[in-house]
Amino acid sequence: MDITAVPTLGYYNIRGAAQPIRLLLKYKDVNFTDKYYGKFGGDLDLYRGNWLKEKFTLGFDFPNIPYYMDGSIKITQSLAIMRYLARIHGLIATDEAGLVRQDVLEQHLIDVRNELIAVVVGDHFESNKVKYIAKTLPKQLDGLSRFLGTRQWFTCNNINYVDFLAYERLDWLRLFSPETVDKYQNLVQLLTRFESLPPIKAYMKSPEFISWPLFGPHVVWGYKK
C-alpha cells in the first residue's frame, strides 16, 4: 500500500501523550504509520532535534506533537486528535448524561496527569514521591473509583474514548505505585478488562507496542529503567 494513503501519527518513541491515540487506532484496526522522533539520551535538545527539523514544514496550523495526518486532515493537540477519532469511530457518549461524564472525566484526567508530572520532573523527587503516594494519589484514586462505581466503563457500559485516556493514566499510576492502585478493585478490573480486549491484547503482545519509557529524558522517573 502507498504510505501516503495511510494516516500518520507523529510523536516521540515513548508512551506520553500519544499512547491513548495508538491504543484507540489499534482497537479500531486502523492501519497507520507510527512515526517516531527523537533519540534516546540525556540531552533534551538532541532528543527533540529530529522533530524540530520538520516542525514548520508539515502544514499544521499550530505545529506540535503528537500530530495526526490523514489526507487533508491535519491535527495537532492530543485531545483534539482523540476527539476527532472518537467521532469518526463512534467512541463518544450518546446521551447528555454520558456526554457530561465524558467531558468531566476528560478534564479531570488532565489534573491527574499534571499532579504526577509535577512529581517526576521536579526537584526533591524522593521526598515528593513519598508525599504524593501518601496524600495525593489516594485522593485521585478514591475519586476515580467512585466515579466508575460498578460500571463496565467510565461513561456507561460501552467503551468510550475517555476510557483509553483513563487506562493510560491509571497504568502510569500503577507503574508508579502498584501497591496503592491494587487497593481499588474496580479500577484494577477496568485495567484488566481493557487489556483483555482482543485488539488491545494483540497489540500489547506485538513488537510495535511501547511499554516503556513513559516520558522523555526530562523526568526523574519514567524514562530510564
N, C-alpha and C. Protein backbone atom coordinates (compact mmCIF):
# COMPACT_ATOMS: atom_id res chain seq x y z
N MET A 1 0.85 -1.20 0.00
CA MET A 1 0.00 0.00 0.00
C MET A 1 0.87 1.24 0.00
N ASP A 2 0.48 2.26 -0.73
CA ASP A 2 1.20 3.53 -0.76
C ASP A 2 1.10 4.17 0.61
N ILE A 3 2.26 4.47 1.20
CA ILE A 3 2.27 5.02 2.57
C ILE A 3 1.54 6.35 2.65
N THR A 4 1.44 7.08 1.53
CA THR A 4 0.75 8.36 1.55
C THR A 4 -0.75 8.20 1.78
N ALA A 5 -1.28 6.98 1.54
CA ALA A 5 -2.70 6.73 1.75
C ALA A 5 -3.00 6.30 3.17
N VAL A 6 -1.95 6.15 3.97
CA VAL A 6 -2.11 5.67 5.34
C VAL A 6 -1.96 6.84 6.31
N PRO A 7 -2.87 6.98 7.29
CA PRO A 7 -2.70 8.05 8.27
C PRO A 7 -1.37 7.93 9.00
N THR A 8 -0.84 9.06 9.43
CA THR A 8 0.41 9.09 10.16
C THR A 8 0.21 9.73 11.52
N LEU A 9 0.70 9.05 12.54
CA LEU A 9 0.75 9.61 13.89
C LEU A 9 2.20 9.92 14.19
N GLY A 10 2.51 11.17 14.46
CA GLY A 10 3.88 11.57 14.73
C GLY A 10 4.09 11.90 16.19
N TYR A 11 5.12 11.30 16.77
CA TYR A 11 5.41 11.55 18.19
C TYR A 11 6.78 10.97 18.50
N TYR A 12 7.24 11.16 19.72
CA TYR A 12 8.48 10.53 20.16
C TYR A 12 8.25 9.03 20.39
N ASN A 13 9.34 8.30 20.49
CA ASN A 13 9.28 6.86 20.72
C ASN A 13 9.11 6.56 22.22
N ILE A 14 8.03 7.13 22.75
CA ILE A 14 7.66 6.95 24.16
C ILE A 14 6.14 6.81 24.21
N ARG A 15 5.62 6.53 25.40
CA ARG A 15 4.16 6.47 25.53
C ARG A 15 3.57 7.88 25.55
N GLY A 16 3.84 8.63 26.60
CA GLY A 16 3.45 10.03 26.68
C GLY A 16 2.04 10.32 26.23
N ALA A 17 1.90 11.41 25.48
CA ALA A 17 0.58 11.87 25.04
C ALA A 17 0.02 11.09 23.88
N ALA A 18 0.84 10.27 23.22
CA ALA A 18 0.38 9.56 22.03
C ALA A 18 -0.18 8.18 22.31
N GLN A 19 0.11 7.62 23.47
CA GLN A 19 -0.28 6.23 23.69
C GLN A 19 -1.78 5.98 23.64
N PRO A 20 -2.62 6.84 24.23
CA PRO A 20 -4.07 6.61 24.08
C PRO A 20 -4.52 6.65 22.63
N ILE A 21 -3.87 7.49 21.82
CA ILE A 21 -4.21 7.55 20.40
C ILE A 21 -3.84 6.24 19.71
N ARG A 22 -2.65 5.74 19.99
CA ARG A 22 -2.23 4.46 19.42
C ARG A 22 -3.20 3.34 19.81
N LEU A 23 -3.57 3.32 21.08
CA LEU A 23 -4.48 2.28 21.57
C LEU A 23 -5.83 2.34 20.87
N LEU A 24 -6.35 3.55 20.71
CA LEU A 24 -7.64 3.71 20.04
C LEU A 24 -7.55 3.26 18.59
N LEU A 25 -6.50 3.66 17.90
CA LEU A 25 -6.34 3.26 16.50
C LEU A 25 -6.22 1.75 16.36
N LYS A 26 -5.46 1.13 17.25
CA LYS A 26 -5.32 -0.32 17.20
C LYS A 26 -6.64 -1.01 17.54
N TYR A 27 -7.37 -0.47 18.49
CA TYR A 27 -8.67 -1.04 18.86
C TYR A 27 -9.62 -1.04 17.66
N LYS A 28 -9.56 0.05 16.87
CA LYS A 28 -10.45 0.16 15.70
C LYS A 28 -9.81 -0.41 14.44
N ASP A 29 -8.67 -1.06 14.57
CA ASP A 29 -8.00 -1.73 13.45
C ASP A 29 -7.69 -0.75 12.31
N VAL A 30 -7.22 0.43 12.68
CA VAL A 30 -6.82 1.43 11.68
C VAL A 30 -5.36 1.19 11.31
N ASN A 31 -5.10 1.04 10.03
CA ASN A 31 -3.73 0.90 9.55
C ASN A 31 -3.10 2.29 9.50
N PHE A 32 -2.06 2.53 10.29
CA PHE A 32 -1.45 3.85 10.34
C PHE A 32 0.06 3.72 10.50
N THR A 33 0.76 4.78 10.15
CA THR A 33 2.20 4.85 10.34
C THR A 33 2.48 5.51 11.68
N ASP A 34 3.19 4.81 12.54
CA ASP A 34 3.56 5.35 13.86
C ASP A 34 4.97 5.93 13.70
N LYS A 35 5.03 7.22 13.41
CA LYS A 35 6.32 7.86 13.10
C LYS A 35 6.97 8.38 14.37
N TYR A 36 8.19 7.94 14.62
CA TYR A 36 8.89 8.32 15.84
C TYR A 36 9.93 9.40 15.57
N TYR A 37 10.02 10.32 16.51
CA TYR A 37 11.06 11.34 16.51
C TYR A 37 11.92 11.15 17.75
N GLY A 38 13.08 11.78 17.73
CA GLY A 38 13.91 11.81 18.93
C GLY A 38 14.90 10.68 19.01
N LYS A 39 15.97 10.94 19.75
CA LYS A 39 17.00 9.94 20.02
C LYS A 39 17.14 9.81 21.53
N PHE A 40 17.27 8.58 21.99
CA PHE A 40 17.39 8.37 23.43
C PHE A 40 18.71 8.92 23.93
N GLY A 41 18.67 9.45 25.12
CA GLY A 41 19.86 10.04 25.73
C GLY A 41 19.44 11.12 26.70
N GLY A 42 20.38 11.70 27.39
CA GLY A 42 20.06 12.67 28.42
C GLY A 42 19.92 14.10 27.93
N ASP A 43 20.33 14.39 26.69
CA ASP A 43 20.30 15.74 26.15
C ASP A 43 18.93 16.00 25.53
N LEU A 44 18.13 16.87 26.16
CA LEU A 44 16.76 17.09 25.71
C LEU A 44 16.73 17.76 24.34
N ASP A 45 17.65 18.69 24.08
CA ASP A 45 17.68 19.35 22.77
C ASP A 45 17.98 18.35 21.66
N LEU A 46 18.93 17.44 21.91
CA LEU A 46 19.24 16.40 20.93
C LEU A 46 18.04 15.48 20.75
N TYR A 47 17.38 15.16 21.85
CA TYR A 47 16.23 14.27 21.81
C TYR A 47 15.13 14.84 20.91
N ARG A 48 14.95 16.14 20.96
CA ARG A 48 13.89 16.79 20.18
C ARG A 48 14.32 17.16 18.77
N GLY A 49 15.60 16.99 18.47
CA GLY A 49 16.17 17.52 17.24
C GLY A 49 15.46 17.12 15.98
N ASN A 50 15.14 15.84 15.81
CA ASN A 50 14.50 15.38 14.57
C ASN A 50 13.15 16.04 14.35
N TRP A 51 12.41 16.22 15.43
CA TRP A 51 11.12 16.88 15.32
C TRP A 51 11.28 18.35 14.96
N LEU A 52 12.22 19.04 15.59
CA LEU A 52 12.39 20.46 15.35
C LEU A 52 12.77 20.75 13.90
N LYS A 53 13.44 19.81 13.26
CA LYS A 53 13.80 19.98 11.84
C LYS A 53 12.58 19.98 10.94
N GLU A 54 11.54 19.26 11.33
CA GLU A 54 10.33 19.13 10.50
C GLU A 54 9.18 20.00 10.96
N LYS A 55 9.28 20.54 12.16
CA LYS A 55 8.14 21.14 12.84
C LYS A 55 7.34 22.10 11.97
N PHE A 56 8.01 22.97 11.23
CA PHE A 56 7.30 24.00 10.48
C PHE A 56 7.20 23.69 8.98
N THR A 57 7.37 22.43 8.64
CA THR A 57 7.35 22.04 7.22
C THR A 57 6.14 21.19 6.85
N LEU A 58 5.29 20.85 7.81
CA LEU A 58 4.23 19.87 7.57
C LEU A 58 2.85 20.48 7.36
N GLY A 59 2.74 21.79 7.49
CA GLY A 59 1.48 22.45 7.17
C GLY A 59 0.45 22.48 8.28
N PHE A 60 0.88 22.38 9.53
CA PHE A 60 -0.06 22.45 10.65
C PHE A 60 -0.35 23.90 11.03
N ASP A 61 -1.56 24.16 11.48
CA ASP A 61 -1.89 25.49 11.98
C ASP A 61 -1.10 25.82 13.24
N PHE A 62 -0.98 24.85 14.11
CA PHE A 62 -0.24 25.02 15.36
C PHE A 62 0.71 23.84 15.50
N PRO A 63 1.89 23.91 14.89
CA PRO A 63 2.81 22.76 14.87
C PRO A 63 3.15 22.26 16.26
N ASN A 64 2.96 20.98 16.45
CA ASN A 64 3.24 20.35 17.75
C ASN A 64 3.16 18.84 17.55
N ILE A 65 3.60 18.12 18.57
CA ILE A 65 3.39 16.68 18.57
C ILE A 65 2.76 16.27 19.89
N PRO A 66 1.92 15.24 19.86
CA PRO A 66 1.63 14.38 18.71
C PRO A 66 0.83 15.13 17.63
N TYR A 67 0.98 14.63 16.42
CA TYR A 67 0.15 15.11 15.33
C TYR A 67 -0.46 13.90 14.62
N TYR A 68 -1.54 14.17 13.90
CA TYR A 68 -2.22 13.12 13.13
C TYR A 68 -2.54 13.69 11.76
N MET A 69 -2.10 12.99 10.73
CA MET A 69 -2.36 13.40 9.35
C MET A 69 -3.07 12.27 8.62
N ASP A 70 -4.19 12.61 8.01
CA ASP A 70 -4.95 11.64 7.21
C ASP A 70 -5.50 12.38 6.00
N GLY A 71 -4.75 12.31 4.89
CA GLY A 71 -5.14 13.08 3.71
C GLY A 71 -5.08 14.56 4.00
N SER A 72 -6.20 15.26 3.78
CA SER A 72 -6.25 16.70 4.02
C SER A 72 -6.43 17.05 5.50
N ILE A 73 -6.72 16.04 6.31
CA ILE A 73 -6.90 16.27 7.74
C ILE A 73 -5.54 16.34 8.41
N LYS A 74 -5.27 17.46 9.08
CA LYS A 74 -4.00 17.63 9.81
C LYS A 74 -4.33 18.21 11.18
N ILE A 75 -4.07 17.41 12.22
CA ILE A 75 -4.48 17.79 13.57
C ILE A 75 -3.30 17.70 14.51
N THR A 76 -3.16 18.72 15.36
CA THR A 76 -2.26 18.64 16.50
C THR A 76 -3.10 18.77 17.77
N GLN A 77 -2.42 18.56 18.91
CA GLN A 77 -3.03 18.53 20.24
C GLN A 77 -3.70 17.16 20.47
N SER A 78 -3.21 16.47 21.47
CA SER A 78 -3.61 15.08 21.68
C SER A 78 -5.11 14.92 21.90
N LEU A 79 -5.73 15.82 22.66
CA LEU A 79 -7.16 15.68 22.91
C LEU A 79 -7.98 15.97 21.66
N ALA A 80 -7.52 16.91 20.84
CA ALA A 80 -8.21 17.18 19.58
C ALA A 80 -8.16 15.95 18.68
N ILE A 81 -7.03 15.27 18.67
CA ILE A 81 -6.90 14.04 17.88
C ILE A 81 -7.83 12.97 18.43
N MET A 82 -7.84 12.80 19.74
CA MET A 82 -8.71 11.79 20.35
C MET A 82 -10.18 12.06 20.06
N ARG A 83 -10.57 13.32 20.16
CA ARG A 83 -11.98 13.65 19.90
C ARG A 83 -12.35 13.42 18.45
N TYR A 84 -11.46 13.77 17.54
CA TYR A 84 -11.71 13.53 16.11
C TYR A 84 -11.88 12.04 15.84
N LEU A 85 -10.95 11.24 16.34
CA LEU A 85 -11.03 9.80 16.12
C LEU A 85 -12.25 9.20 16.78
N ALA A 86 -12.61 9.72 17.95
CA ALA A 86 -13.81 9.22 18.64
C ALA A 86 -15.06 9.48 17.82
N ARG A 87 -15.13 10.66 17.21
CA ARG A 87 -16.31 10.99 16.40
C ARG A 87 -16.42 10.08 15.19
N ILE A 88 -15.32 9.87 14.49
CA ILE A 88 -15.43 9.10 13.24
C ILE A 88 -15.53 7.60 13.50
N HIS A 89 -15.17 7.16 14.70
CA HIS A 89 -15.23 5.73 15.01
C HIS A 89 -16.32 5.38 16.03
N GLY A 90 -17.18 6.32 16.36
CA GLY A 90 -18.31 6.03 17.23
C GLY A 90 -17.93 5.73 18.66
N LEU A 91 -16.92 6.42 19.17
CA LEU A 91 -16.47 6.18 20.55
C LEU A 91 -16.74 7.39 21.43
N ILE A 92 -17.93 7.94 21.29
CA ILE A 92 -18.36 9.05 22.14
C ILE A 92 -19.69 8.68 22.78
N ALA A 93 -20.00 9.37 23.87
CA ALA A 93 -21.27 9.13 24.56
C ALA A 93 -22.43 9.49 23.66
N THR A 94 -23.55 8.86 23.89
CA THR A 94 -24.70 9.05 23.00
C THR A 94 -25.87 9.75 23.66
N ASP A 95 -25.75 10.11 24.94
CA ASP A 95 -26.81 10.87 25.60
C ASP A 95 -26.17 11.97 26.44
N GLU A 96 -27.00 12.89 26.91
CA GLU A 96 -26.46 14.05 27.62
C GLU A 96 -25.75 13.68 28.90
N ALA A 97 -26.31 12.73 29.65
CA ALA A 97 -25.66 12.31 30.89
C ALA A 97 -24.28 11.72 30.61
N GLY A 98 -24.20 10.91 29.55
CA GLY A 98 -22.91 10.33 29.19
C GLY A 98 -21.93 11.37 28.71
N LEU A 99 -22.43 12.36 27.94
CA LEU A 99 -21.56 13.42 27.46
C LEU A 99 -20.98 14.25 28.61
N VAL A 100 -21.81 14.49 29.60
CA VAL A 100 -21.32 15.24 30.77
C VAL A 100 -20.23 14.45 31.49
N ARG A 101 -20.48 13.17 31.71
CA ARG A 101 -19.47 12.33 32.37
C ARG A 101 -18.19 12.29 31.53
N GLN A 102 -18.35 12.16 30.23
CA GLN A 102 -17.21 12.11 29.32
C GLN A 102 -16.37 13.38 29.45
N ASP A 103 -17.02 14.53 29.39
CA ASP A 103 -16.30 15.80 29.41
C ASP A 103 -15.63 16.04 30.76
N VAL A 104 -16.35 15.72 31.83
CA VAL A 104 -15.78 15.92 33.17
C VAL A 104 -14.57 15.03 33.37
N LEU A 105 -14.68 13.76 32.98
CA LEU A 105 -13.56 12.85 33.18
C LEU A 105 -12.36 13.25 32.33
N GLU A 106 -12.61 13.64 31.09
CA GLU A 106 -11.50 14.06 30.22
C GLU A 106 -10.69 15.17 30.89
N GLN A 107 -11.38 16.16 31.41
CA GLN A 107 -10.68 17.28 32.04
C GLN A 107 -10.04 16.89 33.36
N HIS A 108 -10.70 16.02 34.10
CA HIS A 108 -10.13 15.59 35.37
C HIS A 108 -8.84 14.80 35.15
N LEU A 109 -8.79 14.02 34.09
CA LEU A 109 -7.59 13.24 33.81
C LEU A 109 -6.39 14.13 33.49
N ILE A 110 -6.64 15.34 33.02
CA ILE A 110 -5.55 16.30 32.84
C ILE A 110 -4.96 16.66 34.20
N ASP A 111 -5.82 16.87 35.19
CA ASP A 111 -5.33 17.18 36.54
C ASP A 111 -4.54 16.01 37.10
N VAL A 112 -5.02 14.79 36.90
CA VAL A 112 -4.32 13.60 37.38
C VAL A 112 -2.93 13.53 36.75
N ARG A 113 -2.87 13.75 35.45
CA ARG A 113 -1.57 13.74 34.75
C ARG A 113 -0.65 14.81 35.30
N ASN A 114 -1.17 16.02 35.44
CA ASN A 114 -0.32 17.14 35.85
C ASN A 114 0.25 16.95 37.25
N GLU A 115 -0.54 16.35 38.13
CA GLU A 115 -0.05 16.14 39.51
C GLU A 115 1.07 15.11 39.54
N LEU A 116 0.98 14.08 38.70
CA LEU A 116 2.07 13.11 38.64
C LEU A 116 3.31 13.73 37.99
N ILE A 117 3.11 14.46 36.88
CA ILE A 117 4.23 15.07 36.18
C ILE A 117 4.98 16.03 37.09
N ALA A 118 4.26 16.76 37.92
CA ALA A 118 4.91 17.70 38.83
C ALA A 118 5.88 16.99 39.77
N VAL A 119 5.59 15.74 40.10
CA VAL A 119 6.47 14.97 40.98
C VAL A 119 7.68 14.45 40.22
N VAL A 120 7.47 13.92 39.03
CA VAL A 120 8.55 13.23 38.33
C VAL A 120 9.51 14.16 37.60
N VAL A 121 9.13 15.43 37.43
CA VAL A 121 10.05 16.36 36.77
C VAL A 121 10.69 17.33 37.75
N GLY A 122 10.20 17.38 38.98
CA GLY A 122 10.65 18.40 39.91
C GLY A 122 11.86 17.99 40.73
N ASP A 123 12.33 18.95 41.51
CA ASP A 123 13.40 18.67 42.47
C ASP A 123 12.85 17.88 43.64
N HIS A 124 13.75 17.32 44.43
CA HIS A 124 13.38 16.58 45.65
C HIS A 124 12.42 15.43 45.34
N PHE A 125 12.76 14.68 44.30
CA PHE A 125 11.86 13.62 43.83
C PHE A 125 11.50 12.63 44.93
N GLU A 126 12.47 12.12 45.67
CA GLU A 126 12.19 11.06 46.64
C GLU A 126 11.23 11.53 47.72
N SER A 127 11.43 12.72 48.27
CA SER A 127 10.53 13.20 49.31
C SER A 127 9.17 13.54 48.74
N ASN A 128 9.13 14.11 47.54
CA ASN A 128 7.85 14.43 46.92
C ASN A 128 7.08 13.16 46.54
N LYS A 129 7.81 12.11 46.16
CA LYS A 129 7.17 10.85 45.84
C LYS A 129 6.46 10.28 47.07
N VAL A 130 7.11 10.33 48.20
CA VAL A 130 6.51 9.83 49.44
C VAL A 130 5.23 10.60 49.76
N LYS A 131 5.29 11.93 49.66
CA LYS A 131 4.10 12.75 49.95
C LYS A 131 2.98 12.46 48.96
N TYR A 132 3.35 12.32 47.68
CA TYR A 132 2.36 12.08 46.64
C TYR A 132 1.64 10.76 46.87
N ILE A 133 2.39 9.71 47.17
CA ILE A 133 1.79 8.39 47.38
C ILE A 133 0.95 8.37 48.65
N ALA A 134 1.36 9.12 49.65
CA ALA A 134 0.64 9.12 50.93
C ALA A 134 -0.63 9.97 50.88
N LYS A 135 -0.61 11.08 50.13
CA LYS A 135 -1.71 12.02 50.21
C LYS A 135 -2.45 12.23 48.88
N THR A 136 -1.72 12.55 47.84
CA THR A 136 -2.36 12.92 46.57
C THR A 136 -2.94 11.72 45.84
N LEU A 137 -2.16 10.67 45.71
CA LEU A 137 -2.59 9.51 44.92
C LEU A 137 -3.85 8.86 45.47
N PRO A 138 -3.96 8.63 46.79
CA PRO A 138 -5.21 8.04 47.30
C PRO A 138 -6.45 8.89 46.98
N LYS A 139 -6.31 10.21 47.06
CA LYS A 139 -7.44 11.08 46.74
C LYS A 139 -7.82 10.95 45.26
N GLN A 140 -6.82 10.90 44.40
CA GLN A 140 -7.09 10.72 42.97
C GLN A 140 -7.84 9.42 42.72
N LEU A 141 -7.33 8.35 43.30
CA LEU A 141 -7.92 7.02 43.07
C LEU A 141 -9.27 6.88 43.73
N ASP A 142 -9.45 7.48 44.91
CA ASP A 142 -10.77 7.47 45.55
C ASP A 142 -11.80 8.07 44.61
N GLY A 143 -11.48 9.23 44.04
CA GLY A 143 -12.42 9.90 43.15
C GLY A 143 -12.72 9.10 41.90
N LEU A 144 -11.69 8.55 41.28
CA LEU A 144 -11.89 7.76 40.06
C LEU A 144 -12.67 6.48 40.35
N SER A 145 -12.40 5.87 41.50
CA SER A 145 -13.12 4.65 41.87
C SER A 145 -14.59 4.94 42.10
N ARG A 146 -14.90 6.04 42.78
CA ARG A 146 -16.30 6.42 43.00
C ARG A 146 -16.98 6.74 41.67
N PHE A 147 -16.28 7.44 40.81
CA PHE A 147 -16.86 7.85 39.53
C PHE A 147 -17.16 6.64 38.65
N LEU A 148 -16.29 5.66 38.67
CA LEU A 148 -16.53 4.43 37.90
C LEU A 148 -17.64 3.60 38.51
N GLY A 149 -17.62 3.45 39.83
CA GLY A 149 -18.63 2.66 40.50
C GLY A 149 -18.66 1.23 40.00
N THR A 150 -19.85 0.74 39.65
CA THR A 150 -20.00 -0.64 39.16
C THR A 150 -20.13 -0.69 37.63
N ARG A 151 -19.88 0.44 36.97
CA ARG A 151 -19.98 0.46 35.50
C ARG A 151 -18.85 -0.37 34.89
N GLN A 152 -19.09 -0.84 33.69
CA GLN A 152 -18.05 -1.52 32.93
C GLN A 152 -17.00 -0.53 32.46
N TRP A 153 -17.47 0.66 32.01
CA TRP A 153 -16.59 1.71 31.51
C TRP A 153 -17.02 3.03 32.15
N PHE A 154 -16.23 4.05 31.99
CA PHE A 154 -16.44 5.25 32.79
C PHE A 154 -17.71 6.02 32.46
N THR A 155 -18.17 6.00 31.21
CA THR A 155 -19.36 6.78 30.90
C THR A 155 -20.63 5.92 30.87
N CYS A 156 -20.47 4.62 30.64
CA CYS A 156 -21.63 3.75 30.54
C CYS A 156 -21.12 2.31 30.46
N ASN A 157 -21.85 1.44 29.83
CA ASN A 157 -21.40 0.06 29.65
C ASN A 157 -20.79 -0.17 28.27
N ASN A 158 -20.57 0.90 27.52
CA ASN A 158 -19.89 0.82 26.24
C ASN A 158 -18.60 1.63 26.31
N ILE A 159 -17.53 1.11 25.73
CA ILE A 159 -16.26 1.79 25.79
C ILE A 159 -16.32 3.11 25.03
N ASN A 160 -15.60 4.08 25.54
CA ASN A 160 -15.63 5.46 25.06
C ASN A 160 -14.19 5.95 24.98
N TYR A 161 -13.91 6.99 24.20
CA TYR A 161 -12.53 7.44 24.05
C TYR A 161 -11.88 7.83 25.36
N VAL A 162 -12.69 8.30 26.34
CA VAL A 162 -12.08 8.68 27.62
C VAL A 162 -11.58 7.46 28.39
N ASP A 163 -12.10 6.28 28.07
CA ASP A 163 -11.57 5.06 28.71
C ASP A 163 -10.14 4.77 28.26
N PHE A 164 -9.81 5.15 27.03
CA PHE A 164 -8.43 4.99 26.56
C PHE A 164 -7.51 5.95 27.30
N LEU A 165 -7.98 7.17 27.52
CA LEU A 165 -7.22 8.13 28.31
C LEU A 165 -7.08 7.66 29.75
N ALA A 166 -8.18 7.17 30.31
CA ALA A 166 -8.17 6.73 31.70
C ALA A 166 -7.27 5.52 31.89
N TYR A 167 -7.31 4.58 30.94
CA TYR A 167 -6.43 3.42 31.05
C TYR A 167 -4.97 3.86 31.14
N GLU A 168 -4.58 4.75 30.25
CA GLU A 168 -3.17 5.16 30.22
C GLU A 168 -2.76 5.84 31.52
N ARG A 169 -3.60 6.74 32.02
CA ARG A 169 -3.26 7.42 33.28
C ARG A 169 -3.19 6.43 34.43
N LEU A 170 -4.15 5.52 34.50
CA LEU A 170 -4.16 4.54 35.58
C LEU A 170 -2.97 3.60 35.49
N ASP A 171 -2.56 3.27 34.28
CA ASP A 171 -1.40 2.39 34.15
C ASP A 171 -0.13 3.11 34.58
N TRP A 172 -0.02 4.40 34.28
CA TRP A 172 1.12 5.17 34.81
C TRP A 172 1.14 5.08 36.33
N LEU A 173 -0.03 5.30 36.94
CA LEU A 173 -0.10 5.29 38.41
C LEU A 173 0.22 3.91 38.96
N ARG A 174 -0.22 2.87 38.24
CA ARG A 174 0.07 1.50 38.68
C ARG A 174 1.57 1.22 38.61
N LEU A 175 2.23 1.72 37.59
CA LEU A 175 3.67 1.55 37.49
C LEU A 175 4.40 2.34 38.57
N PHE A 176 3.85 3.49 38.91
CA PHE A 176 4.48 4.36 39.91
C PHE A 176 4.30 3.81 41.33
N SER A 177 3.11 3.32 41.62
CA SER A 177 2.83 2.79 42.97
C SER A 177 1.82 1.65 42.86
N PRO A 178 2.27 0.46 42.45
CA PRO A 178 1.33 -0.65 42.25
C PRO A 178 0.56 -1.03 43.49
N GLU A 179 1.20 -0.94 44.65
CA GLU A 179 0.54 -1.34 45.88
C GLU A 179 -0.63 -0.41 46.21
N THR A 180 -0.58 0.84 45.78
CA THR A 180 -1.68 1.77 46.02
C THR A 180 -2.85 1.49 45.08
N VAL A 181 -2.56 1.35 43.80
CA VAL A 181 -3.61 1.09 42.81
C VAL A 181 -4.31 -0.23 43.10
N ASP A 182 -3.57 -1.22 43.57
CA ASP A 182 -4.15 -2.55 43.83
C ASP A 182 -5.23 -2.54 44.90
N LYS A 183 -5.33 -1.46 45.67
CA LYS A 183 -6.37 -1.36 46.71
C LYS A 183 -7.75 -1.07 46.12
N TYR A 184 -7.79 -0.70 44.86
CA TYR A 184 -9.06 -0.27 44.23
C TYR A 184 -9.48 -1.31 43.20
N GLN A 185 -10.28 -2.24 43.64
CA GLN A 185 -10.58 -3.39 42.81
C GLN A 185 -11.34 -3.04 41.54
N ASN A 186 -12.24 -2.07 41.59
CA ASN A 186 -12.96 -1.76 40.35
C ASN A 186 -12.04 -1.11 39.32
N LEU A 187 -11.04 -0.37 39.78
CA LEU A 187 -10.07 0.20 38.85
C LEU A 187 -9.14 -0.87 38.30
N VAL A 188 -8.73 -1.80 39.15
CA VAL A 188 -7.91 -2.93 38.68
C VAL A 188 -8.67 -3.75 37.66
N GLN A 189 -9.95 -3.97 37.93
CA GLN A 189 -10.78 -4.73 36.99
C GLN A 189 -10.94 -4.00 35.67
N LEU A 190 -11.03 -2.66 35.72
CA LEU A 190 -11.10 -1.88 34.49
C LEU A 190 -9.82 -2.04 33.68
N LEU A 191 -8.68 -1.98 34.34
CA LEU A 191 -7.40 -2.17 33.65
C LEU A 191 -7.34 -3.55 32.99
N THR A 192 -7.75 -4.56 33.72
CA THR A 192 -7.75 -5.92 33.18
C THR A 192 -8.72 -6.06 32.02
N ARG A 193 -9.90 -5.46 32.18
CA ARG A 193 -10.93 -5.51 31.13
C ARG A 193 -10.40 -4.87 29.84
N PHE A 194 -9.75 -3.73 30.00
CA PHE A 194 -9.21 -3.03 28.84
C PHE A 194 -8.12 -3.87 28.16
N GLU A 195 -7.20 -4.39 28.94
CA GLU A 195 -6.09 -5.18 28.40
C GLU A 195 -6.56 -6.49 27.78
N SER A 196 -7.78 -6.93 28.14
CA SER A 196 -8.31 -8.19 27.61
C SER A 196 -9.08 -8.01 26.32
N LEU A 197 -9.33 -6.76 25.91
CA LEU A 197 -9.98 -6.54 24.62
C LEU A 197 -9.11 -7.15 23.52
N PRO A 198 -9.63 -8.02 22.67
CA PRO A 198 -8.77 -8.74 21.72
C PRO A 198 -7.81 -7.88 20.91
N PRO A 199 -8.25 -6.73 20.34
CA PRO A 199 -7.27 -5.93 19.57
C PRO A 199 -6.18 -5.34 20.46
N ILE A 200 -6.56 -4.96 21.69
CA ILE A 200 -5.58 -4.39 22.62
C ILE A 200 -4.61 -5.46 23.09
N LYS A 201 -5.15 -6.63 23.41
CA LYS A 201 -4.30 -7.74 23.85
C LYS A 201 -3.27 -8.10 22.78
N ALA A 202 -3.72 -8.15 21.53
CA ALA A 202 -2.81 -8.49 20.43
C ALA A 202 -1.75 -7.41 20.25
N TYR A 203 -2.17 -6.15 20.34
CA TYR A 203 -1.23 -5.04 20.19
C TYR A 203 -0.17 -5.06 21.28
N MET A 204 -0.61 -5.31 22.51
CA MET A 204 0.34 -5.31 23.63
C MET A 204 1.35 -6.45 23.56
N LYS A 205 1.01 -7.49 22.82
CA LYS A 205 1.94 -8.60 22.64
C LYS A 205 2.86 -8.41 21.43
N SER A 206 2.57 -7.38 20.63
CA SER A 206 3.31 -7.18 19.39
C SER A 206 4.58 -6.36 19.64
N PRO A 207 5.56 -6.45 18.75
CA PRO A 207 6.79 -5.66 18.89
C PRO A 207 6.56 -4.17 18.69
N GLU A 208 5.41 -3.78 18.15
CA GLU A 208 5.10 -2.36 17.96
C GLU A 208 4.77 -1.66 19.27
N PHE A 209 4.31 -2.42 20.25
CA PHE A 209 3.82 -1.82 21.48
C PHE A 209 4.95 -1.24 22.31
N ILE A 210 4.77 -0.02 22.79
CA ILE A 210 5.75 0.65 23.66
C ILE A 210 5.26 0.53 25.10
N SER A 211 5.96 -0.25 25.90
CA SER A 211 5.61 -0.34 27.31
C SER A 211 6.43 0.64 28.16
N TRP A 212 7.59 1.02 27.66
CA TRP A 212 8.50 1.93 28.35
C TRP A 212 9.42 2.54 27.31
N PRO A 213 9.79 3.82 27.47
CA PRO A 213 9.53 4.75 28.58
C PRO A 213 8.17 5.42 28.47
N LEU A 214 7.76 5.97 29.60
CA LEU A 214 6.51 6.73 29.62
C LEU A 214 6.73 8.14 29.09
N PHE A 215 7.85 8.75 29.50
CA PHE A 215 8.11 10.15 29.22
C PHE A 215 9.49 10.32 28.60
N GLY A 216 9.83 11.56 28.25
CA GLY A 216 11.13 11.88 27.68
C GLY A 216 12.20 12.02 28.74
N PRO A 217 13.41 12.41 28.34
CA PRO A 217 14.55 12.41 29.26
C PRO A 217 14.56 13.54 30.28
N HIS A 218 13.54 14.39 30.28
CA HIS A 218 13.50 15.50 31.24
C HIS A 218 12.99 15.06 32.61
N VAL A 219 12.60 13.78 32.76
CA VAL A 219 11.99 13.33 34.01
C VAL A 219 12.98 12.59 34.89
N VAL A 220 12.69 12.57 36.18
CA VAL A 220 13.49 11.77 37.12
C VAL A 220 13.04 10.32 37.08
N TRP A 221 11.74 10.11 36.94
CA TRP A 221 11.16 8.76 36.85
C TRP A 221 10.29 8.69 35.59
N GLY A 222 10.36 7.55 34.90
CA GLY A 222 9.51 7.34 33.74
C GLY A 222 10.24 7.31 32.43
N TYR A 223 11.58 7.47 32.47
CA TYR A 223 12.39 7.40 31.25
C TYR A 223 13.42 6.29 31.35
N LYS A 224 14.36 6.45 32.26
CA LYS A 224 15.36 5.40 32.46
C LYS A 224 14.81 4.33 33.37
N LYS A 225 15.16 3.10 33.09
CA LYS A 225 14.76 1.98 33.95
C LYS A 225 15.54 2.05 35.27
